Amino acid sequence: MLKYVPFCALLLMACGGGGPSAPSIDSSRKVSSLSDAEREDRCAWLVSAQGGEGATHKCGDATLKINSVETCAAGLKKLSSDCPMTYGELKACDEAAVDDTCNLLTASACTKLNAYALSCQ
């Protein structure tokens, strides 16, 4: 049975491997201010790094399923303009997950982003 972690699985996949390179975005920018192209570039990088759309990662009793670039970008676009989340905070979670996708569920940088999910959508 697949368990989905809506905010994490939607937005937060780790880097690594081939494919697109990580986008160069100012870490102080609010995530809600990213352009459509920046959201798509970031998501293309993350989805590719995680094995592509539909790839799964077993994390204890949970299984994370990698979403499409479009779903990832749409999730970022839904963040309200007053959401304080910065690209640097988002990137910190990405970096925590570089070694292990399951860090999306446990790393402090990622749990902070999950807290934003309650107030930013």
N, C-alpha and C. Protein backbone atom coordinates (compact mmCIF):
# COMPACT_ATOMS: atom_id res chain seq x y z
N MET A 1 0.84 -1.18 0.00
CA MET A 1 0.00 0.00 0.00
C MET A 1 0.88 1.24 0.00
N LEU A 2 0.60 2.16 -0.91
CA LEU A 2 1.38 3.39 -0.98
C LEU A 2 0.80 4.42 -0.03
N LYS A 3 1.68 5.05 0.71
CA LYS A 3 1.27 6.18 1.54
C LYS A 3 1.86 7.42 0.89
N TYR A 4 1.07 8.42 0.75
CA TYR A 4 1.54 9.65 0.14
C TYR A 4 1.74 10.71 1.21
N VAL A 5 2.80 11.43 1.10
CA VAL A 5 3.07 12.56 1.96
C VAL A 5 2.85 13.77 1.08
N PRO A 6 1.63 14.33 1.09
CA PRO A 6 1.23 15.30 0.08
C PRO A 6 2.21 16.44 -0.13
N PHE A 7 2.58 17.16 0.90
CA PHE A 7 3.43 18.32 0.69
C PHE A 7 4.84 17.89 0.30
N CYS A 8 5.41 16.99 1.06
CA CYS A 8 6.78 16.53 0.76
C CYS A 8 6.87 15.87 -0.60
N ALA A 9 6.03 14.90 -0.83
CA ALA A 9 6.12 14.15 -2.08
C ALA A 9 5.85 15.04 -3.28
N LEU A 10 5.02 16.03 -3.08
CA LEU A 10 4.69 16.93 -4.17
C LEU A 10 5.85 17.87 -4.48
N LEU A 11 6.47 18.40 -3.45
CA LEU A 11 7.44 19.46 -3.64
C LEU A 11 8.89 19.07 -3.45
N LEU A 12 9.15 18.08 -2.67
CA LEU A 12 10.50 17.88 -2.19
C LEU A 12 11.10 16.56 -2.63
N MET A 13 11.83 16.56 -3.71
CA MET A 13 12.58 15.40 -4.15
C MET A 13 14.05 15.82 -4.11
N ALA A 14 14.94 14.87 -3.99
CA ALA A 14 16.36 15.19 -3.82
C ALA A 14 17.10 15.26 -5.14
N CYS A 15 18.33 15.79 -5.07
CA CYS A 15 19.13 15.92 -6.28
C CYS A 15 20.02 14.70 -6.48
N GLY A 16 20.72 14.67 -7.56
CA GLY A 16 21.65 13.59 -7.83
C GLY A 16 21.47 13.07 -9.24
N GLY A 17 22.37 12.20 -9.65
CA GLY A 17 22.25 11.53 -10.94
C GLY A 17 22.37 12.45 -12.12
N GLY A 18 21.99 11.94 -13.30
CA GLY A 18 22.07 12.71 -14.52
C GLY A 18 20.82 13.53 -14.71
N GLY A 19 20.62 14.00 -15.93
CA GLY A 19 19.44 14.80 -16.22
C GLY A 19 19.68 16.27 -16.00
N PRO A 20 18.62 17.02 -15.83
CA PRO A 20 18.74 18.47 -15.67
C PRO A 20 19.60 18.83 -14.46
N SER A 21 20.23 19.98 -14.53
CA SER A 21 21.03 20.44 -13.39
C SER A 21 20.15 21.29 -12.48
N ALA A 22 20.59 21.42 -11.24
CA ALA A 22 19.86 22.21 -10.26
C ALA A 22 19.79 23.67 -10.72
N PRO A 23 18.63 24.27 -10.60
CA PRO A 23 18.51 25.67 -11.01
C PRO A 23 19.25 26.59 -10.05
N SER A 24 19.70 27.70 -10.58
CA SER A 24 20.39 28.70 -9.77
C SER A 24 19.38 29.79 -9.43
N ILE A 25 18.86 29.74 -8.22
CA ILE A 25 17.84 30.68 -7.77
C ILE A 25 18.32 31.29 -6.45
N ASP A 26 18.14 32.58 -6.31
CA ASP A 26 18.53 33.30 -5.09
C ASP A 26 17.83 32.67 -3.89
N SER A 27 18.62 32.24 -2.90
CA SER A 27 18.09 31.55 -1.73
C SER A 27 17.17 32.41 -0.87
N SER A 28 17.28 33.72 -0.98
CA SER A 28 16.45 34.59 -0.15
C SER A 28 15.06 34.84 -0.74
N ARG A 29 14.84 34.42 -1.96
CA ARG A 29 13.53 34.64 -2.60
C ARG A 29 12.46 33.77 -1.98
N LYS A 30 11.26 34.32 -1.88
CA LYS A 30 10.13 33.54 -1.42
C LYS A 30 9.75 32.54 -2.52
N VAL A 31 9.42 31.34 -2.14
CA VAL A 31 9.05 30.31 -3.10
C VAL A 31 7.84 30.76 -3.92
N SER A 32 6.93 31.47 -3.28
CA SER A 32 5.73 31.94 -3.98
C SER A 32 6.04 32.94 -5.08
N SER A 33 7.24 33.51 -5.08
CA SER A 33 7.61 34.49 -6.11
C SER A 33 8.27 33.86 -7.33
N LEU A 34 8.50 32.55 -7.32
CA LEU A 34 9.17 31.91 -8.45
C LEU A 34 8.28 31.99 -9.69
N SER A 35 8.92 32.18 -10.82
CA SER A 35 8.20 32.20 -12.10
C SER A 35 7.79 30.78 -12.47
N ASP A 36 6.88 30.67 -13.43
CA ASP A 36 6.49 29.35 -13.92
C ASP A 36 7.70 28.57 -14.41
N ALA A 37 8.59 29.25 -15.14
CA ALA A 37 9.79 28.59 -15.68
C ALA A 37 10.71 28.12 -14.56
N GLU A 38 10.87 28.91 -13.51
CA GLU A 38 11.72 28.50 -12.38
C GLU A 38 11.12 27.31 -11.64
N ARG A 39 9.82 27.32 -11.44
CA ARG A 39 9.16 26.18 -10.79
C ARG A 39 9.34 24.92 -11.64
N GLU A 40 9.13 25.04 -12.94
CA GLU A 40 9.27 23.88 -13.83
C GLU A 40 10.71 23.37 -13.88
N ASP A 41 11.69 24.29 -13.94
CA ASP A 41 13.10 23.89 -13.95
C ASP A 41 13.45 23.13 -12.67
N ARG A 42 13.02 23.66 -11.53
CA ARG A 42 13.32 23.02 -10.27
C ARG A 42 12.68 21.64 -10.20
N CYS A 43 11.45 21.55 -10.58
CA CYS A 43 10.75 20.27 -10.51
C CYS A 43 11.31 19.26 -11.50
N ALA A 44 11.69 19.70 -12.69
CA ALA A 44 12.30 18.78 -13.66
C ALA A 44 13.59 18.19 -13.09
N TRP A 45 14.37 19.02 -12.44
CA TRP A 45 15.62 18.57 -11.80
C TRP A 45 15.31 17.54 -10.72
N LEU A 46 14.35 17.85 -9.85
CA LEU A 46 14.07 16.99 -8.72
C LEU A 46 13.43 15.67 -9.14
N VAL A 47 12.48 15.73 -10.05
CA VAL A 47 11.82 14.51 -10.51
C VAL A 47 12.84 13.59 -11.19
N SER A 48 13.69 14.14 -12.03
CA SER A 48 14.72 13.35 -12.70
C SER A 48 15.67 12.72 -11.70
N ALA A 49 16.07 13.50 -10.70
CA ALA A 49 17.03 13.01 -9.70
C ALA A 49 16.46 11.89 -8.85
N GLN A 50 15.15 11.82 -8.75
CA GLN A 50 14.50 10.79 -7.93
C GLN A 50 14.07 9.57 -8.73
N GLY A 51 14.49 9.49 -9.97
CA GLY A 51 14.19 8.31 -10.77
C GLY A 51 13.03 8.48 -11.72
N GLY A 52 12.50 9.69 -11.78
CA GLY A 52 11.43 9.99 -12.73
C GLY A 52 10.05 9.79 -12.15
N GLU A 53 9.09 10.30 -12.88
CA GLU A 53 7.69 10.20 -12.47
C GLU A 53 7.29 8.76 -12.22
N GLY A 54 6.66 8.54 -11.08
CA GLY A 54 6.18 7.20 -10.74
C GLY A 54 7.16 6.35 -9.94
N ALA A 55 8.42 6.79 -9.85
CA ALA A 55 9.40 6.03 -9.06
C ALA A 55 8.94 6.00 -7.61
N THR A 56 9.23 4.91 -6.92
CA THR A 56 8.85 4.81 -5.52
C THR A 56 10.08 4.58 -4.65
N HIS A 57 10.00 5.07 -3.43
CA HIS A 57 11.07 4.94 -2.45
C HIS A 57 10.45 4.44 -1.16
N LYS A 58 10.89 3.30 -0.67
CA LYS A 58 10.37 2.71 0.57
C LYS A 58 11.07 3.35 1.76
N CYS A 59 10.27 3.86 2.69
CA CYS A 59 10.78 4.54 3.88
C CYS A 59 10.07 3.96 5.10
N GLY A 60 10.59 2.89 5.64
CA GLY A 60 9.93 2.21 6.75
C GLY A 60 8.58 1.69 6.29
N ASP A 61 7.52 2.11 6.98
CA ASP A 61 6.18 1.69 6.62
C ASP A 61 5.56 2.54 5.51
N ALA A 62 6.23 3.59 5.12
CA ALA A 62 5.70 4.49 4.10
C ALA A 62 6.43 4.27 2.77
N THR A 63 5.75 4.58 1.70
CA THR A 63 6.35 4.57 0.37
C THR A 63 6.09 5.93 -0.26
N LEU A 64 7.16 6.59 -0.66
CA LEU A 64 7.03 7.88 -1.35
C LEU A 64 7.00 7.63 -2.84
N LYS A 65 6.04 8.19 -3.51
CA LYS A 65 5.91 8.05 -4.96
C LYS A 65 6.23 9.41 -5.59
N ILE A 66 7.11 9.40 -6.57
CA ILE A 66 7.53 10.63 -7.23
C ILE A 66 6.45 11.08 -8.21
N ASN A 67 6.04 12.32 -8.06
CA ASN A 67 5.02 12.91 -8.93
C ASN A 67 5.63 13.43 -10.23
N SER A 68 4.77 13.87 -11.11
CA SER A 68 5.22 14.46 -12.38
C SER A 68 5.76 15.86 -12.16
N VAL A 69 6.51 16.35 -13.13
CA VAL A 69 7.00 17.73 -13.10
C VAL A 69 5.82 18.68 -12.99
N GLU A 70 4.77 18.41 -13.73
CA GLU A 70 3.60 19.29 -13.74
C GLU A 70 2.93 19.34 -12.37
N THR A 71 2.80 18.20 -11.72
CA THR A 71 2.18 18.16 -10.39
C THR A 71 3.04 18.89 -9.37
N CYS A 72 4.34 18.69 -9.44
CA CYS A 72 5.28 19.37 -8.56
C CYS A 72 5.18 20.89 -8.74
N ALA A 73 5.24 21.35 -9.98
CA ALA A 73 5.19 22.80 -10.25
C ALA A 73 3.85 23.39 -9.82
N ALA A 74 2.77 22.65 -10.05
CA ALA A 74 1.45 23.13 -9.64
C ALA A 74 1.36 23.27 -8.12
N GLY A 75 1.99 22.36 -7.40
CA GLY A 75 2.01 22.45 -5.94
C GLY A 75 2.74 23.69 -5.46
N LEU A 76 3.86 24.01 -6.09
CA LEU A 76 4.59 25.22 -5.72
C LEU A 76 3.78 26.47 -6.04
N LYS A 77 3.06 26.42 -7.14
CA LYS A 77 2.28 27.59 -7.56
C LYS A 77 1.12 27.86 -6.60
N LYS A 78 0.65 26.84 -5.90
CA LYS A 78 -0.47 27.00 -4.98
C LYS A 78 -0.11 27.74 -3.69
N LEU A 79 1.18 27.90 -3.42
CA LEU A 79 1.57 28.59 -2.19
C LEU A 79 1.09 30.04 -2.22
N SER A 80 0.49 30.47 -1.13
CA SER A 80 -0.02 31.84 -1.08
C SER A 80 1.14 32.83 -1.10
N SER A 81 0.87 34.03 -1.60
CA SER A 81 1.92 35.04 -1.73
C SER A 81 2.46 35.50 -0.38
N ASP A 82 1.71 35.32 0.69
CA ASP A 82 2.19 35.71 2.01
C ASP A 82 2.93 34.57 2.74
N CYS A 83 3.11 33.45 2.07
CA CYS A 83 3.86 32.33 2.65
C CYS A 83 5.33 32.74 2.81
N PRO A 84 5.88 32.60 4.02
CA PRO A 84 7.25 33.06 4.25
C PRO A 84 8.34 32.10 3.75
N MET A 85 7.99 30.94 3.24
CA MET A 85 8.99 29.95 2.83
C MET A 85 9.91 30.52 1.76
N THR A 86 11.21 30.42 2.00
CA THR A 86 12.19 30.89 1.02
C THR A 86 12.72 29.72 0.20
N TYR A 87 13.28 30.06 -0.95
CA TYR A 87 13.89 29.02 -1.78
C TYR A 87 15.05 28.36 -1.02
N GLY A 88 15.76 29.13 -0.20
CA GLY A 88 16.85 28.57 0.60
C GLY A 88 16.36 27.49 1.55
N GLU A 89 15.19 27.69 2.15
CA GLU A 89 14.62 26.68 3.03
C GLU A 89 14.22 25.43 2.25
N LEU A 90 13.65 25.64 1.09
CA LEU A 90 13.28 24.52 0.24
C LEU A 90 14.51 23.76 -0.21
N LYS A 91 15.54 24.50 -0.59
CA LYS A 91 16.80 23.89 -1.04
C LYS A 91 17.47 23.11 0.09
N ALA A 92 17.36 23.60 1.32
CA ALA A 92 17.96 22.90 2.47
C ALA A 92 17.34 21.51 2.62
N CYS A 93 16.06 21.41 2.41
CA CYS A 93 15.40 20.10 2.47
C CYS A 93 15.88 19.23 1.31
N ASP A 94 15.97 19.81 0.13
CA ASP A 94 16.48 19.06 -1.02
C ASP A 94 17.85 18.47 -0.69
N GLU A 95 18.71 19.30 -0.11
CA GLU A 95 20.07 18.85 0.20
C GLU A 95 20.07 17.77 1.27
N ALA A 96 19.14 17.88 2.23
CA ALA A 96 19.04 16.84 3.27
C ALA A 96 18.64 15.51 2.65
N ALA A 97 17.90 15.56 1.56
CA ALA A 97 17.40 14.35 0.93
C ALA A 97 18.35 13.80 -0.14
N VAL A 98 19.46 14.48 -0.39
CA VAL A 98 20.41 14.03 -1.42
C VAL A 98 20.88 12.61 -1.14
N ASP A 99 21.24 12.33 0.09
CA ASP A 99 21.77 11.02 0.44
C ASP A 99 20.69 9.95 0.58
N ASP A 100 19.48 10.39 0.95
CA ASP A 100 18.42 9.42 1.23
C ASP A 100 17.07 10.11 1.08
N THR A 101 16.29 9.68 0.12
CA THR A 101 14.98 10.27 -0.12
C THR A 101 14.13 10.25 1.14
N CYS A 102 14.31 9.27 1.98
CA CYS A 102 13.50 9.15 3.19
C CYS A 102 13.73 10.30 4.17
N ASN A 103 14.81 11.03 3.99
CA ASN A 103 15.04 12.22 4.82
C ASN A 103 13.93 13.25 4.63
N LEU A 104 13.17 13.13 3.54
CA LEU A 104 12.04 14.03 3.33
C LEU A 104 11.03 13.93 4.48
N LEU A 105 11.02 12.79 5.14
CA LEU A 105 10.08 12.56 6.23
C LEU A 105 10.65 12.90 7.60
N THR A 106 11.98 12.96 7.70
CA THR A 106 12.59 13.07 9.03
C THR A 106 13.54 14.25 9.23
N ALA A 107 14.15 14.76 8.19
CA ALA A 107 15.13 15.83 8.35
C ALA A 107 14.46 17.11 8.86
N SER A 108 15.12 17.79 9.76
CA SER A 108 14.52 19.00 10.35
C SER A 108 14.21 20.05 9.28
N ALA A 109 15.05 20.16 8.26
CA ALA A 109 14.78 21.13 7.20
C ALA A 109 13.49 20.80 6.47
N CYS A 110 13.17 19.53 6.37
CA CYS A 110 11.95 19.11 5.67
C CYS A 110 10.72 19.21 6.56
N THR A 111 10.86 18.89 7.84
CA THR A 111 9.71 19.00 8.73
C THR A 111 9.30 20.46 8.89
N LYS A 112 10.25 21.37 8.79
CA LYS A 112 9.92 22.80 8.83
C LYS A 112 9.02 23.16 7.65
N LEU A 113 9.33 22.62 6.48
CA LEU A 113 8.51 22.91 5.29
C LEU A 113 7.11 22.31 5.43
N ASN A 114 7.02 21.15 6.04
CA ASN A 114 5.72 20.55 6.25
C ASN A 114 4.85 21.43 7.14
N ALA A 115 5.48 22.11 8.10
CA ALA A 115 4.73 23.03 8.97
C ALA A 115 4.17 24.19 8.15
N TYR A 116 4.92 24.65 7.16
CA TYR A 116 4.42 25.71 6.28
C TYR A 116 3.17 25.25 5.51
N ALA A 117 3.12 23.99 5.19
CA ALA A 117 2.00 23.48 4.38
C ALA A 117 0.65 23.77 5.03
N LEU A 118 0.62 23.82 6.35
CA LEU A 118 -0.62 24.08 7.05
C LEU A 118 -1.10 25.52 6.90
N SER A 119 -0.15 26.43 6.70
CA SER A 119 -0.54 27.84 6.66
C SER A 119 -0.37 28.52 5.31
N CYS A 120 0.22 27.86 4.36
CA CYS A 120 0.58 28.52 3.10
C CYS A 120 -0.27 28.15 1.91
N GLN A 121 -1.22 27.27 2.07
CA GLN A 121 -2.00 26.85 0.90
C GLN A 121 -3.37 27.47 0.91
